[in-house]
Amino acid sequence: MIKYGVYTALVTPFINGAVSYDCLKKLLDSQILGGVSGVMLCVTTSEGPTISSEEYQSIIKFVIEYVAGKIEVWAGVGSNNTETAVHKTILADKLGVDGMLAVTPYYNKPTQNGLIDYFGQIALATNKPVMMYSVPSRCGVEISVDTVSVLRNDHRNICALKEATDNCARVDAIREVVDDEFCILSGNDSMTLPFMSVGARGVVSVMSNLYPKEMVKIVQLAYDGNFYEALKIYRKIYPVMNKLFIEVNPLPIKFLLKRAGIIKSDEARSPLGTLSEKSIFLLKDLQI
């Protein structure tokens, strides 16, 4: 189960339409060296919806073998079809991941009892830890505080929540209805410190693709109660963090990773498109 930490929502490097495992190695090396707790594969930042079943299995197998237990490996298993999510959960479990990240069903906007059934079926399909992912801006539905409480009480392997809002009061309310072993992680880099001030214990980070050491230090300091020193580091990297979502994720972070020489190409799969000239100008102007 998660204590605290930085979990990198890892980009998937592509070259000429194919996954670049050489670039993936270099990216993983930086994550291990940076001290992150784990990586999240085949999630939104990874362009998970564009990854085939064969690629899904290949990426997970490769990463598990390459990191060799140095950091945790989690897989995105969410879907807007419960049967598909359960199938992915069983598959990821067999492949040997450390945990599952399950986003709320997107597009079909389920009820809260629908969410209880959805996450419950995922939890029953594995003995591994399950992290729920609430991102109403993308999915059109929020996991209510009561639903979090019900799911945690009914399924002990549902042990974490990735909260991708800017609502500190909601984090505080969730903290009140779950036990101390349940871990809330910010789903937005910019909300890491505010959320940790009211009970979150880290972040599922896009920023840590580029700045793993800095994000790990920020979370460690905040977890230890030293928000003053954490804020100093946060302010140093905020100009970059502030530009990560000037266009749809992961286009900006891929551009910056290529610029930093960590990956060879900032290619993204259709239908994401490419960065505008205005965004390229803004990103080129950043000091990284």
C-alpha atoms as a PDB file:
ATOM      1  CA  MET A   1       0.000   0.000   0.000  1.00  0.00           C
ATOM      2  CA  ILE A   2       1.121   3.574  -0.697  1.00  0.00           C
ATOM      3  CA  LYS A   3       2.618   5.589   2.156  1.00  0.00           C
ATOM      4  CA  TYR A   4       3.444   8.770   0.226  1.00  0.00           C
ATOM      5  CA  GLY A   5       5.481   9.882  -2.755  1.00  0.00           C
ATOM      6  CA  VAL A   6       5.762  10.936  -6.386  1.00  0.00           C
ATOM      7  CA  TYR A   7       4.292   8.672  -9.042  1.00  0.00           C
ATOM      8  CA  THR A   8       5.192   9.805 -12.549  1.00  0.00           C
ATOM      9  CA  ALA A   9       2.483   9.636 -15.182  1.00  0.00           C
ATOM     10  CA  LEU A  10       5.037   8.497 -17.724  1.00  0.00           C
ATOM     11  CA  VAL A  11       4.933   9.699 -21.319  1.00  0.00           C
ATOM     12  CA  THR A  12       5.183   7.089 -24.061  1.00  0.00           C
ATOM     13  CA  PRO A  13       7.952   8.025 -26.511  1.00  0.00           C
ATOM     14  CA  PHE A  14       7.059   7.404 -30.161  1.00  0.00           C
ATOM     15  CA  ILE A  15       9.270   7.532 -33.236  1.00  0.00           C
ATOM     16  CA  ASN A  16       7.635   7.135 -36.650  1.00  0.00           C
ATOM     17  CA  GLY A  17       4.491   5.786 -35.035  1.00  0.00           C
ATOM     18  CA  ALA A  18       6.162   3.078 -32.948  1.00  0.00           C
ATOM     19  CA  VAL A  19       7.047   2.963 -29.257  1.00  0.00           C
ATOM     20  CA  SER A  20      10.715   3.906 -28.786  1.00  0.00           C
ATOM     21  CA  TYR A  21      12.074   1.566 -26.142  1.00  0.00           C
ATOM     22  CA  ASP A  22      15.500   3.215 -26.299  1.00  0.00           C
ATOM     23  CA  CYS A  23      13.937   6.533 -25.319  1.00  0.00           C
ATOM     24  CA  LEU A  24      11.837   4.764 -22.719  1.00  0.00           C
ATOM     25  CA  LYS A  25      15.023   3.381 -21.139  1.00  0.00           C
ATOM     26  CA  LYS A  26      16.522   6.845 -20.845  1.00  0.00           C
ATOM     27  CA  LEU A  27      13.314   8.207 -19.366  1.00  0.00           C
ATOM     28  CA  LEU A  28      13.143   5.377 -16.836  1.00  0.00           C
ATOM     29  CA  ASP A  29      16.793   5.903 -15.893  1.00  0.00           C
ATOM     30  CA  SER A  30      16.015   9.513 -15.001  1.00  0.00           C
ATOM     31  CA  GLN A  31      13.025   8.415 -12.908  1.00  0.00           C
ATOM     32  CA  ILE A  32      15.042   5.847 -10.963  1.00  0.00           C
ATOM     33  CA  LEU A  33      17.885   8.304 -10.417  1.00  0.00           C
ATOM     34  CA  GLY A  34      15.401  10.979  -9.371  1.00  0.00           C
ATOM     35  CA  GLY A  35      13.999   8.773  -6.628  1.00  0.00           C
ATOM     36  CA  VAL A  36      10.349   8.619  -7.638  1.00  0.00           C
ATOM     37  CA  SER A  37       8.193   6.053  -5.884  1.00  0.00           C
ATOM     38  CA  GLY A  38       6.787   4.672  -9.102  1.00  0.00           C
ATOM     39  CA  VAL A  39       5.620   5.188 -12.657  1.00  0.00           C
ATOM     40  CA  MET A  40       2.119   5.050 -14.107  1.00  0.00           C
ATOM     41  CA  LEU A  41       1.977   3.384 -17.537  1.00  0.00           C
ATOM     42  CA  CYS A  42      -0.652   3.577 -20.267  1.00  0.00           C
ATOM     43  CA  VAL A  43      -2.525   6.440 -18.601  1.00  0.00           C
ATOM     44  CA  THR A  44      -3.675   9.758 -20.065  1.00  0.00           C
ATOM     45  CA  THR A  45      -0.193  11.315 -20.129  1.00  0.00           C
ATOM     46  CA  SER A  46       1.032   8.073 -21.737  1.00  0.00           C
ATOM     47  CA  GLU A  47      -1.598   8.497 -24.491  1.00  0.00           C
ATOM     48  CA  GLY A  48      -3.186   5.325 -23.161  1.00  0.00           C
ATOM     49  CA  PRO A  49      -6.303   5.503 -25.348  1.00  0.00           C
ATOM     50  CA  THR A  50      -4.110   5.271 -28.461  1.00  0.00           C
ATOM     51  CA  ILE A  51      -2.071   2.282 -27.272  1.00  0.00           C
ATOM     52  CA  SER A  52      -3.010  -1.112 -28.703  1.00  0.00           C
ATOM     53  CA  SER A  53      -3.481  -4.212 -26.566  1.00  0.00           C
ATOM     54  CA  GLU A  54      -0.221  -5.635 -27.894  1.00  0.00           C
ATOM     55  CA  GLU A  55       1.652  -2.426 -27.080  1.00  0.00           C
ATOM     56  CA  TYR A  56       0.006  -2.291 -23.650  1.00  0.00           C
ATOM     57  CA  GLN A  57       1.404  -5.689 -22.759  1.00  0.00           C
ATOM     58  CA  SER A  58       4.789  -5.021 -24.350  1.00  0.00           C
ATOM     59  CA  ILE A  59       5.287  -1.699 -22.543  1.00  0.00           C
ATOM     60  CA  ILE A  60       4.334  -3.131 -19.157  1.00  0.00           C
ATOM     61  CA  LYS A  61       6.548  -6.198 -19.568  1.00  0.00           C
ATOM     62  CA  PHE A  62       9.475  -4.078 -20.726  1.00  0.00           C
ATOM     63  CA  VAL A  63       9.229  -1.567 -17.893  1.00  0.00           C
ATOM     64  CA  ILE A  64       8.824  -4.207 -15.173  1.00  0.00           C
ATOM     65  CA  GLU A  65      11.879  -6.038 -16.432  1.00  0.00           C
ATOM     66  CA  TYR A  66      13.938  -2.876 -16.915  1.00  0.00           C
ATOM     67  CA  VAL A  67      13.305  -1.241 -13.526  1.00  0.00           C
ATOM     68  CA  ALA A  68      13.826  -4.594 -11.759  1.00  0.00           C
ATOM     69  CA  GLY A  69      11.982  -3.587  -8.602  1.00  0.00           C
ATOM     70  CA  LYS A  70      13.832  -0.274  -8.126  1.00  0.00           C
ATOM     71  CA  ILE A  71      10.552   1.638  -8.421  1.00  0.00           C
ATOM     72  CA  GLU A  72       6.906   0.589  -8.484  1.00  0.00           C
ATOM     73  CA  VAL A  73       5.117  -0.001 -11.772  1.00  0.00           C
ATOM     74  CA  TRP A  74       1.412   0.808 -12.008  1.00  0.00           C
ATOM     75  CA  ALA A  75      -0.846   0.376 -15.027  1.00  0.00           C
ATOM     76  CA  GLY A  76      -3.851   2.316 -16.193  1.00  0.00           C
ATOM     77  CA  VAL A  77      -6.837  -0.030 -16.326  1.00  0.00           C
ATOM     78  CA  GLY A  78      -9.767   2.369 -16.536  1.00  0.00           C
ATOM     79  CA  SER A  79     -12.397   2.349 -19.263  1.00  0.00           C
ATOM     80  CA  ASN A  80     -15.946   3.505 -19.915  1.00  0.00           C
ATOM     81  CA  ASN A  81     -16.830  -0.181 -20.171  1.00  0.00           C
ATOM     82  CA  THR A  82     -16.633  -2.080 -16.879  1.00  0.00           C
ATOM     83  CA  GLU A  83     -15.988  -5.406 -18.610  1.00  0.00           C
ATOM     84  CA  THR A  84     -13.011  -3.895 -20.447  1.00  0.00           C
ATOM     85  CA  ALA A  85     -11.649  -2.392 -17.221  1.00  0.00           C
ATOM     86  CA  VAL A  86     -11.904  -5.747 -15.449  1.00  0.00           C
ATOM     87  CA  HIS A  87     -10.177  -7.487 -18.377  1.00  0.00           C
ATOM     88  CA  LYS A  88      -7.322  -4.949 -18.301  1.00  0.00           C
ATOM     89  CA  THR A  89      -7.031  -5.357 -14.530  1.00  0.00           C
ATOM     90  CA  ILE A  90      -6.680  -9.138 -14.802  1.00  0.00           C
ATOM     91  CA  LEU A  91      -4.161  -8.740 -17.628  1.00  0.00           C
ATOM     92  CA  ALA A  92      -2.069  -6.132 -15.789  1.00  0.00           C
ATOM     93  CA  ASP A  93      -2.098  -8.285 -12.652  1.00  0.00           C
ATOM     94  CA  LYS A  94      -0.787 -11.297 -14.612  1.00  0.00           C
ATOM     95  CA  LEU A  95       1.918  -9.118 -16.164  1.00  0.00           C
ATOM     96  CA  GLY A  96       3.159  -8.330 -12.667  1.00  0.00           C
ATOM     97  CA  VAL A  97       2.366  -4.674 -12.005  1.00  0.00           C
ATOM     98  CA  ASP A  98       2.426  -3.330  -8.464  1.00  0.00           C
ATOM     99  CA  GLY A  99      -0.932  -1.602  -8.704  1.00  0.00           C
ATOM    100  CA  MET A 100      -3.796  -0.369 -10.875  1.00  0.00           C
ATOM    101  CA  LEU A 101      -4.882   3.188 -11.662  1.00  0.00           C
ATOM    102  CA  ALA A 102      -8.559   3.245 -12.614  1.00  0.00           C
ATOM    103  CA  VAL A 103     -10.043   6.446 -13.991  1.00  0.00           C
ATOM    104  CA  THR A 104     -13.756   7.123 -13.671  1.00  0.00           C
ATOM    105  CA  PRO A 105     -15.683   6.007 -16.769  1.00  0.00           C
ATOM    106  CA  TYR A 106     -15.525   8.809 -19.311  1.00  0.00           C
ATOM    107  CA  TYR A 107     -18.230  10.051 -21.689  1.00  0.00           C
ATOM    108  CA  ASN A 108     -21.129   7.987 -20.313  1.00  0.00           C
ATOM    109  CA  LYS A 109     -21.300   9.911 -16.975  1.00  0.00           C
ATOM    110  CA  PRO A 110     -22.356   7.106 -14.581  1.00  0.00           C
ATOM    111  CA  THR A 111     -24.298   7.545 -11.345  1.00  0.00           C
ATOM    112  CA  GLN A 112     -22.582   7.138  -7.986  1.00  0.00           C
ATOM    113  CA  ASN A 113     -23.999   3.630  -7.603  1.00  0.00           C
ATOM    114  CA  GLY A 114     -22.644   2.916 -11.066  1.00  0.00           C
ATOM    115  CA  LEU A 115     -19.213   4.052  -9.885  1.00  0.00           C
ATOM    116  CA  ILE A 116     -19.463   1.815  -6.816  1.00  0.00           C
ATOM    117  CA  ASP A 117     -20.189  -1.161  -9.068  1.00  0.00           C
ATOM    118  CA  TYR A 118     -17.420  -0.220 -11.534  1.00  0.00           C
ATOM    119  CA  PHE A 119     -14.636   0.251  -8.997  1.00  0.00           C
ATOM    120  CA  GLY A 120     -15.912  -2.693  -6.958  1.00  0.00           C
ATOM    121  CA  GLN A 121     -15.628  -5.057  -9.908  1.00  0.00           C
ATOM    122  CA  ILE A 122     -12.087  -3.831 -10.609  1.00  0.00           C
ATOM    123  CA  ALA A 123     -11.114  -4.378  -6.976  1.00  0.00           C
ATOM    124  CA  LEU A 124     -12.549  -7.902  -6.974  1.00  0.00           C
ATOM    125  CA  ALA A 125     -10.528  -8.786 -10.093  1.00  0.00           C
ATOM    126  CA  THR A 126      -7.191  -8.353  -8.306  1.00  0.00           C
ATOM    127  CA  ASN A 127      -5.494  -8.542  -4.937  1.00  0.00           C
ATOM    128  CA  LYS A 128      -3.171  -5.702  -5.958  1.00  0.00           C
ATOM    129  CA  PRO A 129      -3.684  -2.100  -4.789  1.00  0.00           C
ATOM    130  CA  VAL A 130      -6.215  -0.052  -6.741  1.00  0.00           C
ATOM    131  CA  MET A 131      -6.026   3.737  -7.025  1.00  0.00           C
ATOM    132  CA  MET A 132      -9.191   5.528  -8.083  1.00  0.00           C
ATOM    133  CA  TYR A 133      -8.774   8.530 -10.355  1.00  0.00           C
ATOM    134  CA  SER A 134     -11.296  11.339 -10.121  1.00  0.00           C
ATOM    135  CA  VAL A 135     -10.950  13.849 -12.967  1.00  0.00           C
ATOM    136  CA  PRO A 136     -14.336  15.496 -13.602  1.00  0.00           C
ATOM    137  CA  SER A 137     -12.897  17.944 -16.152  1.00  0.00           C
ATOM    138  CA  ARG A 138     -12.210  15.022 -18.503  1.00  0.00           C
ATOM    139  CA  CYS A 139     -14.832  12.495 -17.454  1.00  0.00           C
ATOM    140  CA  GLY A 140     -17.820  14.649 -16.597  1.00  0.00           C
ATOM    141  CA  VAL A 141     -18.408  12.921 -13.260  1.00  0.00           C
ATOM    142  CA  GLU A 142     -16.807  13.174  -9.827  1.00  0.00           C
ATOM    143  CA  ILE A 143     -16.368  10.378  -7.291  1.00  0.00           C
ATOM    144  CA  SER A 144     -18.345  11.693  -4.322  1.00  0.00           C
ATOM    145  CA  VAL A 145     -16.930  11.733  -0.793  1.00  0.00           C
ATOM    146  CA  ASP A 146     -19.550   9.184   0.273  1.00  0.00           C
ATOM    147  CA  THR A 147     -18.658   6.915  -2.652  1.00  0.00           C
ATOM    148  CA  VAL A 148     -14.973   7.013  -1.698  1.00  0.00           C
ATOM    149  CA  SER A 149     -15.948   6.019   1.841  1.00  0.00           C
ATOM    150  CA  VAL A 150     -18.173   3.138   0.697  1.00  0.00           C
ATOM    151  CA  LEU A 151     -15.554   1.748  -1.683  1.00  0.00           C
ATOM    152  CA  ARG A 152     -12.769   1.962   0.880  1.00  0.00           C
ATOM    153  CA  ASN A 153     -14.893   0.173   3.491  1.00  0.00           C
ATOM    154  CA  ASP A 154     -16.014  -2.554   1.077  1.00  0.00           C
ATOM    155  CA  HIS A 155     -12.683  -3.192  -0.685  1.00  0.00           C
ATOM    156  CA  ARG A 156      -9.474  -2.893   1.310  1.00  0.00           C
ATOM    157  CA  ASN A 157      -7.306  -3.018  -1.812  1.00  0.00           C
ATOM    158  CA  ILE A 158      -8.900   0.247  -2.948  1.00  0.00           C
ATOM    159  CA  CYS A 159      -6.254   2.138  -1.057  1.00  0.00           C
ATOM    160  CA  ALA A 160      -5.690   5.445  -2.848  1.00  0.00           C
ATOM    161  CA  LEU A 161      -7.278   8.291  -4.781  1.00  0.00           C
ATOM    162  CA  LYS A 162      -5.749  10.482  -7.454  1.00  0.00           C
ATOM    163  CA  GLU A 163      -7.639  13.745  -7.069  1.00  0.00           C
ATOM    164  CA  ALA A 164      -7.424  15.941 -10.175  1.00  0.00           C
ATOM    165  CA  THR A 165      -9.314  19.022  -9.024  1.00  0.00           C
ATOM    166  CA  ASP A 166      -8.318  22.232  -7.263  1.00  0.00           C
ATOM    167  CA  ASN A 167     -10.659  21.631  -4.306  1.00  0.00           C
ATOM    168  CA  CYS A 168      -8.768  21.501  -1.007  1.00  0.00           C
ATOM    169  CA  ALA A 169     -12.020  21.309   0.958  1.00  0.00           C
ATOM    170  CA  ARG A 170     -12.885  18.090  -0.868  1.00  0.00           C
ATOM    171  CA  VAL A 171      -9.496  16.556  -0.008  1.00  0.00           C
ATOM    172  CA  ASP A 172     -10.053  17.482   3.634  1.00  0.00           C
ATOM    173  CA  ALA A 173     -13.553  15.954   3.554  1.00  0.00           C
ATOM    174  CA  ILE A 174     -12.256  12.692   2.045  1.00  0.00           C
ATOM    175  CA  ARG A 175      -9.471  12.537   4.630  1.00  0.00           C
ATOM    176  CA  GLU A 176     -12.177  12.661   7.324  1.00  0.00           C
ATOM    177  CA  VAL A 177     -14.070   9.600   6.047  1.00  0.00           C
ATOM    178  CA  VAL A 178     -11.166   7.243   5.288  1.00  0.00           C
ATOM    179  CA  ASP A 179      -8.614   5.547   7.523  1.00  0.00           C
ATOM    180  CA  ASP A 180      -4.993   6.634   7.874  1.00  0.00           C
ATOM    181  CA  GLU A 181      -3.739   3.945   5.475  1.00  0.00           C
ATOM    182  CA  PHE A 182      -5.748   5.404   2.602  1.00  0.00           C
ATOM    183  CA  CYS A 183      -3.548   7.661   0.465  1.00  0.00           C
ATOM    184  CA  ILE A 184      -4.751  10.746  -1.407  1.00  0.00           C
ATOM    185  CA  LEU A 185      -2.458  12.005  -4.164  1.00  0.00           C
ATOM    186  CA  SER A 186      -2.832  15.228  -6.100  1.00  0.00           C
ATOM    187  CA  GLY A 187      -3.623  14.697  -9.759  1.00  0.00           C
ATOM    188  CA  ASN A 188      -2.332  18.161 -10.650  1.00  0.00           C
ATOM    189  CA  ASP A 189       1.277  19.197 -10.037  1.00  0.00           C
ATOM    190  CA  SER A 190       0.260  22.735  -9.143  1.00  0.00           C
ATOM    191  CA  MET A 191      -2.003  21.512  -6.320  1.00  0.00           C
ATOM    192  CA  THR A 192       0.585  19.273  -4.664  1.00  0.00           C
ATOM    193  CA  LEU A 193       1.436  21.588  -1.783  1.00  0.00           C
ATOM    194  CA  PRO A 194      -2.110  22.877  -1.145  1.00  0.00           C
ATOM    195  CA  PHE A 195      -3.449  19.318  -1.106  1.00  0.00           C
ATOM    196  CA  MET A 196      -0.654  18.049   1.118  1.00  0.00           C
ATOM    197  CA  SER A 197      -1.426  20.830   3.591  1.00  0.00           C
ATOM    198  CA  VAL A 198      -4.852  19.241   4.175  1.00  0.00           C
ATOM    199  CA  GLY A 199      -3.892  15.580   4.165  1.00  0.00           C
ATOM    200  CA  ALA A 200      -2.751  14.426   0.727  1.00  0.00           C
ATOM    201  CA  ARG A 201       0.553  12.562   0.639  1.00  0.00           C
ATOM    202  CA  GLY A 202       2.056  13.274  -2.740  1.00  0.00           C
ATOM    203  CA  VAL A 203       1.283  13.554  -6.417  1.00  0.00           C
ATOM    204  CA  VAL A 204       0.752  11.648  -9.625  1.00  0.00           C
ATOM    205  CA  SER A 205       2.950  13.969 -11.612  1.00  0.00           C
ATOM    206  CA  VAL A 206       3.455  15.097 -15.184  1.00  0.00           C
ATOM    207  CA  MET A 207       6.213  17.484 -14.108  1.00  0.00           C
ATOM    208  CA  SER A 208       8.352  14.646 -12.737  1.00  0.00           C
ATOM    209  CA  ASN A 209       8.909  13.346 -16.272  1.00  0.00           C
ATOM    210  CA  LEU A 210      11.291  16.317 -16.550  1.00  0.00           C
ATOM    211  CA  TYR A 211      12.036  17.184 -12.918  1.00  0.00           C
ATOM    212  CA  PRO A 212      11.865  13.969 -10.873  1.00  0.00           C
ATOM    213  CA  LYS A 213      14.403  14.999  -8.221  1.00  0.00           C
ATOM    214  CA  GLU A 214      12.743  18.332  -7.604  1.00  0.00           C
ATOM    215  CA  MET A 215       9.232  16.886  -7.322  1.00  0.00           C
ATOM    216  CA  VAL A 216      10.474  14.155  -4.981  1.00  0.00           C
ATOM    217  CA  LYS A 217      12.170  16.767  -2.780  1.00  0.00           C
ATOM    218  CA  ILE A 218       9.058  18.953  -2.701  1.00  0.00           C
ATOM    219  CA  VAL A 219       6.890  16.025  -1.596  1.00  0.00           C
ATOM    220  CA  GLN A 220       9.422  14.780   0.947  1.00  0.00           C
ATOM    221  CA  LEU A 221       9.742  18.212   2.559  1.00  0.00           C
ATOM    222  CA  ALA A 222       5.974  18.728   2.630  1.00  0.00           C
ATOM    223  CA  TYR A 223       5.407  15.246   4.054  1.00  0.00           C
ATOM    224  CA  ASP A 224       7.879  16.138   6.819  1.00  0.00           C
ATOM    225  CA  GLY A 225       5.985  19.370   7.478  1.00  0.00           C
ATOM    226  CA  ASN A 226       8.597  21.713   6.017  1.00  0.00           C
ATOM    227  CA  PHE A 227       6.363  23.611   3.627  1.00  0.00           C
ATOM    228  CA  TYR A 228       8.613  26.688   3.641  1.00  0.00           C
ATOM    229  CA  GLU A 229      11.545  24.832   2.067  1.00  0.00           C
ATOM    230  CA  ALA A 230       9.216  22.879  -0.242  1.00  0.00           C
ATOM    231  CA  LEU A 231       7.803  26.154  -1.530  1.00  0.00           C
ATOM    232  CA  LYS A 232      11.281  27.424  -2.386  1.00  0.00           C
ATOM    233  CA  ILE A 233      11.843  24.519  -4.769  1.00  0.00           C
ATOM    234  CA  TYR A 234       8.299  24.760  -6.107  1.00  0.00           C
ATOM    235  CA  ARG A 235       8.803  28.413  -7.033  1.00  0.00           C
ATOM    236  CA  LYS A 236      12.015  27.624  -8.922  1.00  0.00           C
ATOM    237  CA  ILE A 237      10.305  25.159 -11.240  1.00  0.00           C
ATOM    238  CA  TYR A 238       6.870  26.808 -11.375  1.00  0.00           C
ATOM    239  CA  PRO A 239       7.554  28.760 -14.605  1.00  0.00           C
ATOM    240  CA  VAL A 240       7.905  25.400 -16.388  1.00  0.00           C
ATOM    241  CA  MET A 241       5.036  23.786 -14.506  1.00  0.00           C
ATOM    242  CA  ASN A 242       2.789  26.697 -15.456  1.00  0.00           C
ATOM    243  CA  LYS A 243       3.346  25.979 -19.153  1.00  0.00           C
ATOM    244  CA  LEU A 244       2.703  22.222 -19.101  1.00  0.00           C
ATOM    245  CA  PHE A 245      -0.967  22.658 -19.939  1.00  0.00           C
ATOM    246  CA  ILE A 246      -0.913  25.558 -22.378  1.00  0.00           C
ATOM    247  CA  GLU A 247      -2.098  22.885 -24.801  1.00  0.00           C
ATOM    248  CA  VAL A 248      -3.403  19.383 -24.265  1.00  0.00           C
ATOM    249  CA  ASN A 249      -1.210  17.073 -22.194  1.00  0.00           C
ATOM    250  CA  PRO A 250       1.253  15.488 -23.082  1.00  0.00           C
ATOM    251  CA  LEU A 251       2.218  17.753 -26.009  1.00  0.00           C
ATOM    252  CA  PRO A 252       4.097  20.366 -23.925  1.00  0.00           C
ATOM    253  CA  ILE A 253       5.923  17.884 -21.673  1.00  0.00           C
ATOM    254  CA  LYS A 254       7.001  15.824 -24.684  1.00  0.00           C
ATOM    255  CA  PHE A 255       8.350  18.966 -26.353  1.00  0.00           C
ATOM    256  CA  LEU A 256      10.358  19.829 -23.231  1.00  0.00           C
ATOM    257  CA  LEU A 257      11.644  16.271 -22.801  1.00  0.00           C
ATOM    258  CA  LYS A 258      12.906  16.324 -26.375  1.00  0.00           C
ATOM    259  CA  ARG A 259      14.483  19.717 -25.823  1.00  0.00           C
ATOM    260  CA  ALA A 260      16.221  18.357 -22.702  1.00  0.00           C
ATOM    261  CA  GLY A 261      17.586  15.402 -24.712  1.00  0.00           C
ATOM    262  CA  ILE A 262      15.715  12.783 -22.665  1.00  0.00           C
ATOM    263  CA  ILE A 263      13.651  11.583 -25.612  1.00  0.00           C
ATOM    264  CA  LYS A 264      14.474  11.914 -29.310  1.00  0.00           C
ATOM    265  CA  SER A 265      11.037  12.852 -30.601  1.00  0.00           C
ATOM    266  CA  ASP A 266       8.039  14.776 -29.264  1.00  0.00           C
ATOM    267  CA  GLU A 267       5.723  12.860 -31.578  1.00  0.00           C
ATOM    268  CA  ALA A 268       2.193  12.256 -30.309  1.00  0.00           C
ATOM    269  CA  ARG A 269      -0.451  10.028 -31.802  1.00  0.00           C
ATOM    270  CA  SER A 270      -3.603  11.162 -33.522  1.00  0.00           C
ATOM    271  CA  PRO A 271      -5.990  12.668 -32.541  1.00  0.00           C
ATOM    272  CA  LEU A 272      -3.877  14.854 -30.213  1.00  0.00           C
ATOM    273  CA  GLY A 273      -2.387  16.928 -33.009  1.00  0.00           C
ATOM    274  CA  THR A 274       0.699  19.126 -32.690  1.00  0.00           C
ATOM    275  CA  LEU A 275       1.683  22.231 -30.752  1.00  0.00           C
ATOM    276  CA  SER A 276       0.833  25.622 -32.216  1.00  0.00           C
ATOM    277  CA  GLU A 277       3.625  27.994 -33.200  1.00  0.00           C
ATOM    278  CA  LYS A 278       2.619  30.267 -30.319  1.00  0.00           C
ATOM    279  CA  SER A 279       3.015  27.441 -27.788  1.00  0.00           C
ATOM    280  CA  ILE A 280       6.356  26.387 -29.289  1.00  0.00           C
ATOM    281  CA  PHE A 281       7.592  29.942 -28.908  1.00  0.00           C
ATOM    282  CA  LEU A 282       6.534  30.047 -25.250  1.00  0.00           C
ATOM    283  CA  LEU A 283       8.106  26.677 -24.474  1.00  0.00           C
ATOM    284  CA  LYS A 284      11.361  27.483 -26.272  1.00  0.00           C
ATOM    285  CA  ASP A 285      11.665  30.563 -24.097  1.00  0.00           C
ATOM    286  CA  LEU A 286      11.702  28.512 -20.884  1.00  0.00           C
ATOM    287  CA  GLN A 287      14.910  27.813 -19.012  1.00  0.00           C
ATOM    288  CA  ILE A 288      15.036  24.102 -18.167  1.00  0.00           C
END
